[in-house]
Amino acid sequence: MATTTTRDDMFGELATPVAIGAVAGVATGLMANLLRKAVVQAPTVFAGNWDQALAAEHAATLKIFDLLEKTDETQATRRGFLLMQLKHALGKHAFQEENVIYAMMRDHDLKEAADHLNHDHGYVKQYLFELTELPRDDAGWLPKVREFRAMIEKHMREEEDELFPRLRGGLSEEQNRHVTAAMNKAGLKLA
């Protein structure tokens, strides 16, 4: 007896493999994204305590500035790529500081200092906006980068040399471990 294959039978035979493929594709994409996030956040995690991790991120940021400062007007594409890296690094870094470190500073009698540092972050965003808007081959682009770097280095020194040691010293080891874990969790969100 001959069996006839209907259109519904053919669709049913194809639907299962297609659905399995779609689920596998989504799962692979999610895993790849989690892996990428882990790789981006790993240097911060392996740097140690929260203050050491932030200092390592500061150093990495300055390396991006070094690369930017080695460019000239003929390297607009490279400048754009490095600016994108700088934006991402500073965005993740600011998120960690603003949502964990500065909040902890406010809870430990460093409210005025935290507000000052947060105020600086507003200017970081302003510099990033101005550099994004300014044509990468403009003669004023690199001087703006250098001005931005000077501002950021002052901000970093204030954090690393004065304010972060004050906060770290005012916290118990358990509180410092908690801050480190919370900061890494926040960083992973934007990594």
N, C-alpha and C. Protein backbone atom coordinates (compact mmCIF):
# COMPACT_ATOMS: atom_id res chain seq x y z
N MET A 1 0.84 -1.16 0.00
CA MET A 1 0.00 0.00 0.00
C MET A 1 0.89 1.24 0.00
N ALA A 2 0.61 2.16 -0.86
CA ALA A 2 1.40 3.37 -1.02
C ALA A 2 0.96 4.40 0.02
N THR A 3 1.96 5.05 0.57
CA THR A 3 1.67 6.10 1.55
C THR A 3 1.86 7.44 0.86
N THR A 4 0.93 8.30 1.07
CA THR A 4 1.06 9.63 0.51
C THR A 4 1.52 10.58 1.61
N THR A 5 2.47 11.41 1.25
CA THR A 5 2.98 12.40 2.19
C THR A 5 2.25 13.70 1.94
N THR A 6 1.63 14.15 2.98
CA THR A 6 0.90 15.41 2.84
C THR A 6 1.83 16.57 3.20
N ARG A 7 1.36 17.72 2.88
CA ARG A 7 2.11 18.95 3.20
C ARG A 7 2.30 19.09 4.71
N ASP A 8 1.29 18.77 5.48
CA ASP A 8 1.38 18.85 6.94
C ASP A 8 2.43 17.88 7.48
N ASP A 9 2.50 16.68 6.86
CA ASP A 9 3.51 15.71 7.29
C ASP A 9 4.92 16.24 7.04
N MET A 10 5.13 16.85 5.88
CA MET A 10 6.45 17.40 5.55
C MET A 10 6.81 18.55 6.49
N PHE A 11 5.84 19.41 6.79
CA PHE A 11 6.09 20.52 7.71
C PHE A 11 6.46 19.98 9.09
N GLY A 12 5.74 18.96 9.54
CA GLY A 12 6.02 18.37 10.85
C GLY A 12 7.41 17.79 10.91
N GLU A 13 7.84 17.16 9.83
CA GLU A 13 9.19 16.58 9.78
C GLU A 13 10.26 17.66 9.79
N LEU A 14 9.99 18.80 9.21
CA LEU A 14 10.96 19.88 9.16
C LEU A 14 10.92 20.76 10.41
N ALA A 15 9.78 20.88 11.02
CA ALA A 15 9.61 21.80 12.15
C ALA A 15 10.49 21.42 13.33
N THR A 16 10.59 20.15 13.65
CA THR A 16 11.38 19.73 14.81
C THR A 16 12.86 20.06 14.63
N PRO A 17 13.49 19.70 13.53
CA PRO A 17 14.91 20.07 13.38
C PRO A 17 15.14 21.58 13.35
N VAL A 18 14.22 22.31 12.75
CA VAL A 18 14.36 23.77 12.69
C VAL A 18 14.26 24.34 14.10
N ALA A 19 13.31 23.86 14.89
CA ALA A 19 13.15 24.34 16.27
C ALA A 19 14.38 24.00 17.10
N ILE A 20 14.89 22.80 16.94
CA ILE A 20 16.10 22.40 17.68
C ILE A 20 17.28 23.28 17.27
N GLY A 21 17.39 23.55 15.98
CA GLY A 21 18.46 24.42 15.49
C GLY A 21 18.34 25.83 16.03
N ALA A 22 17.11 26.34 16.09
CA ALA A 22 16.90 27.69 16.61
C ALA A 22 17.26 27.77 18.09
N VAL A 23 16.83 26.78 18.86
CA VAL A 23 17.16 26.76 20.29
C VAL A 23 18.67 26.64 20.48
N ALA A 24 19.30 25.79 19.71
CA ALA A 24 20.76 25.63 19.81
C ALA A 24 21.47 26.93 19.44
N GLY A 25 20.97 27.62 18.44
CA GLY A 25 21.57 28.90 18.03
C GLY A 25 21.46 29.95 19.11
N VAL A 26 20.28 30.04 19.72
CA VAL A 26 20.08 31.01 20.80
C VAL A 26 20.98 30.67 21.99
N ALA A 27 21.03 29.39 22.35
CA ALA A 27 21.87 28.96 23.48
C ALA A 27 23.34 29.25 23.21
N THR A 28 23.78 29.00 21.99
CA THR A 28 25.18 29.28 21.63
C THR A 28 25.47 30.77 21.71
N GLY A 29 24.53 31.57 21.22
CA GLY A 29 24.71 33.03 21.29
C GLY A 29 24.78 33.53 22.72
N LEU A 30 23.92 33.02 23.58
CA LEU A 30 23.94 33.42 24.99
C LEU A 30 25.24 33.00 25.66
N MET A 31 25.69 31.80 25.39
CA MET A 31 26.95 31.32 25.98
C MET A 31 28.13 32.15 25.48
N ALA A 32 28.13 32.48 24.20
CA ALA A 32 29.21 33.30 23.64
C ALA A 32 29.23 34.67 24.30
N ASN A 33 28.07 35.25 24.53
CA ASN A 33 27.99 36.55 25.18
C ASN A 33 28.49 36.47 26.62
N LEU A 34 28.09 35.44 27.34
CA LEU A 34 28.57 35.27 28.72
C LEU A 34 30.09 35.08 28.75
N LEU A 35 30.60 34.31 27.81
CA LEU A 35 32.04 34.11 27.73
C LEU A 35 32.77 35.42 27.44
N ARG A 36 32.23 36.21 26.51
CA ARG A 36 32.82 37.51 26.18
C ARG A 36 32.83 38.41 27.41
N LYS A 37 31.72 38.44 28.14
CA LYS A 37 31.63 39.26 29.35
C LYS A 37 32.67 38.80 30.38
N ALA A 38 32.81 37.50 30.55
CA ALA A 38 33.79 36.97 31.51
C ALA A 38 35.22 37.36 31.11
N VAL A 39 35.50 37.31 29.82
CA VAL A 39 36.84 37.67 29.34
C VAL A 39 37.10 39.16 29.58
N VAL A 40 36.12 40.01 29.32
CA VAL A 40 36.28 41.45 29.51
C VAL A 40 36.45 41.79 30.99
N GLN A 41 35.72 41.12 31.87
CA GLN A 41 35.78 41.43 33.30
C GLN A 41 36.94 40.73 33.99
N ALA A 42 37.51 39.70 33.39
CA ALA A 42 38.56 38.90 34.03
C ALA A 42 39.75 39.72 34.54
N PRO A 43 40.29 40.67 33.77
CA PRO A 43 41.42 41.43 34.32
C PRO A 43 41.08 42.17 35.62
N THR A 44 39.86 42.65 35.72
CA THR A 44 39.43 43.35 36.93
C THR A 44 39.31 42.35 38.08
N VAL A 45 38.72 41.20 37.81
CA VAL A 45 38.54 40.18 38.85
C VAL A 45 39.90 39.71 39.36
N PHE A 46 40.83 39.44 38.44
CA PHE A 46 42.12 38.89 38.83
C PHE A 46 43.07 39.94 39.43
N ALA A 47 42.71 41.20 39.33
CA ALA A 47 43.56 42.25 39.89
C ALA A 47 43.53 42.24 41.42
N GLY A 48 42.53 41.62 42.01
CA GLY A 48 42.47 41.52 43.47
C GLY A 48 41.37 42.36 44.06
N ASN A 49 41.68 43.01 45.17
CA ASN A 49 40.71 43.82 45.88
C ASN A 49 40.19 44.94 44.98
N TRP A 50 39.05 45.48 45.35
CA TRP A 50 38.36 46.48 44.54
C TRP A 50 39.25 47.66 44.18
N ASP A 51 40.06 48.13 45.13
CA ASP A 51 40.90 49.29 44.85
C ASP A 51 42.03 48.95 43.88
N GLN A 52 42.58 47.75 44.01
CA GLN A 52 43.61 47.32 43.07
C GLN A 52 43.02 47.10 41.68
N ALA A 53 41.80 46.57 41.65
CA ALA A 53 41.14 46.33 40.37
C ALA A 53 40.86 47.65 39.64
N LEU A 54 40.39 48.65 40.40
CA LEU A 54 40.13 49.94 39.78
C LEU A 54 41.42 50.61 39.32
N ALA A 55 42.49 50.45 40.09
CA ALA A 55 43.79 50.99 39.67
C ALA A 55 44.26 50.31 38.38
N ALA A 56 44.02 49.00 38.26
CA ALA A 56 44.39 48.28 37.03
C ALA A 56 43.57 48.80 35.84
N GLU A 57 42.29 49.09 36.08
CA GLU A 57 41.46 49.67 35.01
C GLU A 57 41.95 51.07 34.65
N HIS A 58 42.38 51.84 35.64
CA HIS A 58 42.95 53.16 35.36
C HIS A 58 44.16 53.02 34.44
N ALA A 59 45.04 52.08 34.77
CA ALA A 59 46.25 51.86 33.96
C ALA A 59 45.89 51.45 32.53
N ALA A 60 44.90 50.58 32.39
CA ALA A 60 44.48 50.15 31.06
C ALA A 60 43.89 51.32 30.26
N THR A 61 43.17 52.19 30.95
CA THR A 61 42.62 53.38 30.30
C THR A 61 43.73 54.29 29.80
N LEU A 62 44.75 54.48 30.61
CA LEU A 62 45.87 55.33 30.20
C LEU A 62 46.61 54.75 29.00
N LYS A 63 46.62 53.43 28.87
CA LYS A 63 47.23 52.80 27.69
C LYS A 63 46.44 53.13 26.43
N ILE A 64 45.12 53.20 26.56
CA ILE A 64 44.31 53.60 25.40
C ILE A 64 44.62 55.06 25.04
N PHE A 65 44.76 55.91 26.05
CA PHE A 65 45.16 57.29 25.79
C PHE A 65 46.51 57.34 25.09
N ASP A 66 47.46 56.51 25.54
CA ASP A 66 48.79 56.46 24.89
C ASP A 66 48.64 56.17 23.40
N LEU A 67 47.82 55.18 23.08
CA LEU A 67 47.62 54.81 21.67
C LEU A 67 46.96 55.94 20.89
N LEU A 68 45.98 56.60 21.51
CA LEU A 68 45.33 57.73 20.86
C LEU A 68 46.32 58.85 20.56
N GLU A 69 47.19 59.12 21.54
CA GLU A 69 48.13 60.22 21.37
C GLU A 69 49.21 59.93 20.33
N LYS A 70 49.36 58.69 19.93
CA LYS A 70 50.33 58.33 18.88
C LYS A 70 49.74 58.44 17.48
N THR A 71 48.46 58.79 17.39
CA THR A 71 47.83 58.90 16.07
C THR A 71 47.99 60.31 15.51
N ASP A 72 47.73 60.42 14.22
CA ASP A 72 47.71 61.74 13.59
C ASP A 72 46.43 61.87 12.76
N GLU A 73 46.28 63.02 12.10
CA GLU A 73 45.04 63.31 11.37
C GLU A 73 44.73 62.31 10.27
N THR A 74 45.74 61.59 9.78
CA THR A 74 45.51 60.63 8.69
C THR A 74 44.95 59.30 9.21
N GLN A 75 44.86 59.15 10.52
CA GLN A 75 44.41 57.89 11.11
C GLN A 75 43.04 58.04 11.78
N ALA A 76 42.12 58.65 11.06
CA ALA A 76 40.78 58.89 11.61
C ALA A 76 40.07 57.60 11.98
N THR A 77 40.21 56.56 11.18
CA THR A 77 39.55 55.29 11.48
C THR A 77 40.12 54.68 12.75
N ARG A 78 41.42 54.70 12.90
CA ARG A 78 42.06 54.16 14.11
C ARG A 78 41.62 54.97 15.33
N ARG A 79 41.56 56.28 15.19
CA ARG A 79 41.10 57.13 16.28
C ARG A 79 39.67 56.76 16.68
N GLY A 80 38.83 56.53 15.70
CA GLY A 80 37.44 56.16 15.98
C GLY A 80 37.35 54.84 16.73
N PHE A 81 38.15 53.87 16.31
CA PHE A 81 38.17 52.57 16.98
C PHE A 81 38.67 52.70 18.41
N LEU A 82 39.75 53.44 18.61
CA LEU A 82 40.29 53.63 19.96
C LEU A 82 39.34 54.42 20.84
N LEU A 83 38.67 55.40 20.27
CA LEU A 83 37.68 56.16 21.03
C LEU A 83 36.54 55.25 21.47
N MET A 84 36.13 54.34 20.61
CA MET A 84 35.09 53.38 20.98
C MET A 84 35.56 52.51 22.15
N GLN A 85 36.81 52.06 22.11
CA GLN A 85 37.36 51.27 23.21
C GLN A 85 37.40 52.09 24.50
N LEU A 86 37.80 53.34 24.38
CA LEU A 86 37.87 54.22 25.54
C LEU A 86 36.49 54.42 26.15
N LYS A 87 35.50 54.65 25.30
CA LYS A 87 34.13 54.83 25.79
C LYS A 87 33.65 53.60 26.55
N HIS A 88 33.91 52.44 26.00
CA HIS A 88 33.47 51.21 26.65
C HIS A 88 34.18 51.01 27.98
N ALA A 89 35.49 51.19 27.98
CA ALA A 89 36.26 51.01 29.22
C ALA A 89 35.81 51.98 30.30
N LEU A 90 35.65 53.23 29.92
CA LEU A 90 35.25 54.25 30.91
C LEU A 90 33.79 54.07 31.34
N GLY A 91 32.94 53.63 30.44
CA GLY A 91 31.54 53.40 30.79
C GLY A 91 31.40 52.30 31.83
N LYS A 92 32.08 51.19 31.61
CA LYS A 92 32.05 50.07 32.56
C LYS A 92 32.66 50.50 33.89
N HIS A 93 33.77 51.17 33.81
CA HIS A 93 34.49 51.63 35.00
C HIS A 93 33.62 52.59 35.82
N ALA A 94 33.01 53.54 35.16
CA ALA A 94 32.16 54.52 35.85
C ALA A 94 30.95 53.83 36.48
N PHE A 95 30.38 52.86 35.79
CA PHE A 95 29.24 52.12 36.32
C PHE A 95 29.61 51.45 37.65
N GLN A 96 30.79 50.82 37.66
CA GLN A 96 31.26 50.15 38.89
C GLN A 96 31.46 51.16 40.02
N GLU A 97 32.13 52.25 39.69
CA GLU A 97 32.41 53.24 40.73
C GLU A 97 31.13 53.90 41.24
N GLU A 98 30.30 54.35 40.33
CA GLU A 98 29.11 55.10 40.72
C GLU A 98 28.10 54.24 41.47
N ASN A 99 27.97 52.98 41.08
CA ASN A 99 26.95 52.13 41.66
C ASN A 99 27.41 51.31 42.86
N VAL A 100 28.71 51.26 43.09
CA VAL A 100 29.21 50.51 44.24
C VAL A 100 30.14 51.37 45.09
N ILE A 101 31.23 51.83 44.53
CA ILE A 101 32.27 52.50 45.31
C ILE A 101 31.78 53.83 45.87
N TYR A 102 31.25 54.68 45.02
CA TYR A 102 30.79 55.99 45.50
C TYR A 102 29.62 55.85 46.46
N ALA A 103 28.76 54.86 46.21
CA ALA A 103 27.65 54.61 47.15
C ALA A 103 28.21 54.20 48.51
N MET A 104 29.22 53.35 48.51
CA MET A 104 29.85 52.93 49.77
C MET A 104 30.55 54.11 50.44
N MET A 105 31.16 54.97 49.63
CA MET A 105 31.80 56.16 50.20
C MET A 105 30.77 57.03 50.93
N ARG A 106 29.62 57.19 50.31
CA ARG A 106 28.56 58.00 50.93
C ARG A 106 28.10 57.39 52.25
N ASP A 107 28.08 56.07 52.32
CA ASP A 107 27.67 55.37 53.54
C ASP A 107 28.74 55.41 54.63
N HIS A 108 29.95 55.84 54.27
CA HIS A 108 31.06 55.84 55.24
C HIS A 108 31.70 57.23 55.35
N ASP A 109 30.84 58.23 55.48
CA ASP A 109 31.26 59.60 55.77
C ASP A 109 32.18 60.23 54.73
N LEU A 110 32.04 59.80 53.49
CA LEU A 110 32.81 60.40 52.40
C LEU A 110 31.85 60.92 51.32
N LYS A 111 30.70 61.42 51.76
CA LYS A 111 29.67 61.87 50.83
C LYS A 111 30.16 62.98 49.92
N GLU A 112 30.78 63.98 50.50
CA GLU A 112 31.25 65.13 49.71
C GLU A 112 32.28 64.68 48.66
N ALA A 113 33.18 63.81 49.06
CA ALA A 113 34.19 63.30 48.13
C ALA A 113 33.54 62.47 47.02
N ALA A 114 32.57 61.64 47.38
CA ALA A 114 31.88 60.82 46.38
C ALA A 114 31.13 61.71 45.39
N ASP A 115 30.49 62.75 45.90
CA ASP A 115 29.78 63.67 45.02
C ASP A 115 30.74 64.39 44.08
N HIS A 116 31.91 64.76 44.59
CA HIS A 116 32.93 65.41 43.76
C HIS A 116 33.40 64.47 42.64
N LEU A 117 33.68 63.21 42.99
CA LEU A 117 34.12 62.25 41.99
C LEU A 117 33.03 61.99 40.95
N ASN A 118 31.80 61.90 41.42
CA ASN A 118 30.68 61.70 40.51
C ASN A 118 30.54 62.90 39.56
N HIS A 119 30.76 64.09 40.09
CA HIS A 119 30.75 65.31 39.29
C HIS A 119 31.80 65.23 38.17
N ASP A 120 32.99 64.73 38.52
CA ASP A 120 34.04 64.54 37.52
C ASP A 120 33.57 63.62 36.40
N HIS A 121 32.82 62.60 36.77
CA HIS A 121 32.33 61.65 35.75
C HIS A 121 31.43 62.34 34.74
N GLY A 122 30.73 63.37 35.17
CA GLY A 122 29.92 64.15 34.22
C GLY A 122 30.81 64.79 33.16
N TYR A 123 31.98 65.27 33.57
CA TYR A 123 32.90 65.86 32.61
C TYR A 123 33.57 64.82 31.73
N VAL A 124 33.75 63.62 32.25
CA VAL A 124 34.25 62.53 31.41
C VAL A 124 33.27 62.31 30.25
N LYS A 125 32.01 62.27 30.58
CA LYS A 125 30.98 62.09 29.53
C LYS A 125 30.99 63.26 28.55
N GLN A 126 31.22 64.46 29.07
CA GLN A 126 31.28 65.64 28.20
C GLN A 126 32.45 65.54 27.22
N TYR A 127 33.62 65.16 27.73
CA TYR A 127 34.78 64.99 26.85
C TYR A 127 34.51 63.92 25.80
N LEU A 128 33.93 62.80 26.21
CA LEU A 128 33.64 61.74 25.25
C LEU A 128 32.67 62.23 24.17
N PHE A 129 31.68 63.00 24.58
CA PHE A 129 30.73 63.57 23.62
C PHE A 129 31.46 64.50 22.64
N GLU A 130 32.29 65.40 23.17
CA GLU A 130 32.99 66.35 22.31
C GLU A 130 33.92 65.64 21.34
N LEU A 131 34.63 64.61 21.81
CA LEU A 131 35.53 63.87 20.92
C LEU A 131 34.75 63.09 19.86
N THR A 132 33.56 62.64 20.22
CA THR A 132 32.72 61.93 19.26
C THR A 132 32.21 62.89 18.18
N GLU A 133 31.85 64.10 18.58
CA GLU A 133 31.30 65.09 17.66
C GLU A 133 32.37 65.74 16.77
N LEU A 134 33.56 65.87 17.29
CA LEU A 134 34.65 66.51 16.54
C LEU A 134 35.17 65.55 15.48
N PRO A 135 35.33 66.00 14.23
CA PRO A 135 35.87 65.10 13.20
C PRO A 135 37.24 64.57 13.64
N ARG A 136 37.46 63.29 13.44
CA ARG A 136 38.70 62.63 13.91
C ARG A 136 39.95 63.17 13.22
N ASP A 137 39.77 63.80 12.08
CA ASP A 137 40.93 64.35 11.37
C ASP A 137 41.11 65.85 11.64
N ASP A 138 40.33 66.39 12.55
CA ASP A 138 40.42 67.81 12.92
C ASP A 138 41.71 68.06 13.70
N ALA A 139 42.35 69.17 13.42
CA ALA A 139 43.60 69.51 14.10
C ALA A 139 43.40 69.69 15.61
N GLY A 140 42.19 69.99 16.04
CA GLY A 140 41.92 70.17 17.46
C GLY A 140 41.58 68.89 18.21
N TRP A 141 41.50 67.76 17.49
CA TRP A 141 41.09 66.52 18.11
C TRP A 141 42.12 66.02 19.13
N LEU A 142 43.38 65.96 18.73
CA LEU A 142 44.42 65.45 19.63
C LEU A 142 44.65 66.37 20.84
N PRO A 143 44.66 67.70 20.68
CA PRO A 143 44.74 68.55 21.87
C PRO A 143 43.58 68.32 22.85
N LYS A 144 42.38 68.03 22.32
CA LYS A 144 41.23 67.73 23.18
C LYS A 144 41.47 66.41 23.93
N VAL A 145 42.06 65.43 23.25
CA VAL A 145 42.41 64.15 23.90
C VAL A 145 43.39 64.40 25.05
N ARG A 146 44.39 65.25 24.81
CA ARG A 146 45.39 65.52 25.85
C ARG A 146 44.80 66.27 27.04
N GLU A 147 43.89 67.19 26.77
CA GLU A 147 43.19 67.91 27.83
C GLU A 147 42.35 66.94 28.66
N PHE A 148 41.67 66.03 27.97
CA PHE A 148 40.85 65.01 28.62
C PHE A 148 41.72 64.11 29.49
N ARG A 149 42.84 63.70 28.95
CA ARG A 149 43.74 62.83 29.71
C ARG A 149 44.22 63.51 30.99
N ALA A 150 44.58 64.77 30.90
CA ALA A 150 45.05 65.50 32.09
C ALA A 150 43.96 65.52 33.16
N MET A 151 42.73 65.75 32.75
CA MET A 151 41.62 65.77 33.70
C MET A 151 41.43 64.40 34.33
N ILE A 152 41.49 63.37 33.51
CA ILE A 152 41.28 62.00 34.01
C ILE A 152 42.42 61.57 34.93
N GLU A 153 43.65 61.93 34.59
CA GLU A 153 44.77 61.55 35.46
C GLU A 153 44.64 62.20 36.83
N LYS A 154 44.21 63.44 36.89
CA LYS A 154 43.99 64.11 38.17
C LYS A 154 42.92 63.37 38.97
N HIS A 155 41.85 63.01 38.32
CA HIS A 155 40.76 62.26 38.95
C HIS A 155 41.28 60.92 39.50
N MET A 156 42.06 60.21 38.68
CA MET A 156 42.60 58.91 39.09
C MET A 156 43.52 59.04 40.31
N ARG A 157 44.40 60.05 40.28
CA ARG A 157 45.33 60.25 41.40
C ARG A 157 44.57 60.52 42.69
N GLU A 158 43.53 61.33 42.59
CA GLU A 158 42.72 61.64 43.76
C GLU A 158 42.09 60.37 44.33
N GLU A 159 41.59 59.53 43.45
CA GLU A 159 40.99 58.27 43.90
C GLU A 159 42.05 57.35 44.50
N GLU A 160 43.10 57.07 43.73
CA GLU A 160 44.09 56.07 44.14
C GLU A 160 44.94 56.51 45.33
N ASP A 161 45.31 57.78 45.37
CA ASP A 161 46.25 58.24 46.40
C ASP A 161 45.58 58.69 47.69
N GLU A 162 44.33 59.11 47.61
CA GLU A 162 43.70 59.68 48.79
C GLU A 162 42.39 58.99 49.18
N LEU A 163 41.41 59.01 48.28
CA LEU A 163 40.05 58.63 48.68
C LEU A 163 39.83 57.12 48.79
N PHE A 164 40.35 56.35 47.86
CA PHE A 164 40.16 54.91 47.96
C PHE A 164 40.90 54.32 49.17
N PRO A 165 42.13 54.76 49.45
CA PRO A 165 42.76 54.25 50.68
C PRO A 165 41.98 54.61 51.95
N ARG A 166 41.38 55.80 51.97
CA ARG A 166 40.56 56.19 53.13
C ARG A 166 39.37 55.26 53.27
N LEU A 167 38.69 54.98 52.16
CA LEU A 167 37.54 54.09 52.22
C LEU A 167 37.98 52.68 52.61
N ARG A 168 38.98 52.16 51.95
CA ARG A 168 39.44 50.80 52.23
C ARG A 168 39.83 50.65 53.70
N GLY A 169 40.53 51.64 54.23
CA GLY A 169 40.95 51.59 55.63
C GLY A 169 39.80 51.68 56.61
N GLY A 170 38.70 52.28 56.20
CA GLY A 170 37.54 52.42 57.06
C GLY A 170 36.60 51.22 57.02
N LEU A 171 36.91 50.26 56.17
CA LEU A 171 36.07 49.07 56.03
C LEU A 171 36.76 47.86 56.65
N SER A 172 35.98 46.94 57.15
CA SER A 172 36.53 45.67 57.64
C SER A 172 36.95 44.84 56.43
N GLU A 173 37.70 43.79 56.66
CA GLU A 173 38.09 42.90 55.55
C GLU A 173 36.86 42.28 54.90
N GLU A 174 35.88 41.93 55.73
CA GLU A 174 34.65 41.37 55.19
C GLU A 174 33.93 42.38 54.32
N GLN A 175 33.87 43.64 54.75
CA GLN A 175 33.24 44.68 53.94
C GLN A 175 34.01 44.91 52.65
N ASN A 176 35.33 44.89 52.72
CA ASN A 176 36.13 45.05 51.50
C ASN A 176 35.89 43.91 50.52
N ARG A 177 35.76 42.69 51.03
CA ARG A 177 35.46 41.54 50.15
C ARG A 177 34.08 41.72 49.52
N HIS A 178 33.14 42.21 50.31
CA HIS A 178 31.79 42.45 49.79
C HIS A 178 31.82 43.51 48.67
N VAL A 179 32.55 44.59 48.91
CA VAL A 179 32.65 45.66 47.91
C VAL A 179 33.30 45.12 46.63
N THR A 180 34.34 44.31 46.78
CA THR A 180 35.01 43.71 45.62
C THR A 180 34.03 42.86 44.82
N ALA A 181 33.27 42.01 45.50
CA ALA A 181 32.31 41.15 44.81
C ALA A 181 31.21 41.97 44.15
N ALA A 182 30.70 42.97 44.84
CA ALA A 182 29.64 43.81 44.28
C ALA A 182 30.14 44.59 43.07
N MET A 183 31.37 45.09 43.14
CA MET A 183 31.94 45.84 42.02
C MET A 183 32.12 44.93 40.81
N ASN A 184 32.63 43.71 41.04
CA ASN A 184 32.81 42.78 39.92
C ASN A 184 31.48 42.38 39.30
N LYS A 185 30.48 42.22 40.11
CA LYS A 185 29.13 41.90 39.60
C LYS A 185 28.60 43.05 38.74
N ALA A 186 28.78 44.28 39.22
CA ALA A 186 28.36 45.44 38.45
C ALA A 186 29.13 45.53 37.13
N GLY A 187 30.44 45.30 37.18
CA GLY A 187 31.26 45.35 35.97
C GLY A 187 30.86 44.31 34.95
N LEU A 188 30.48 43.14 35.43
CA LEU A 188 30.08 42.07 34.53
C LEU A 188 28.82 42.45 33.74
N LYS A 189 27.97 43.26 34.33
CA LYS A 189 26.75 43.69 33.64
C LYS A 189 27.06 44.48 32.38
N LEU A 190 28.11 45.30 32.42
CA LEU A 190 28.44 46.14 31.27
C LEU A 190 29.62 45.62 30.46
N ALA A 191 30.24 44.54 30.92
CA ALA A 191 31.41 44.01 30.20
C ALA A 191 31.03 43.58 28.80
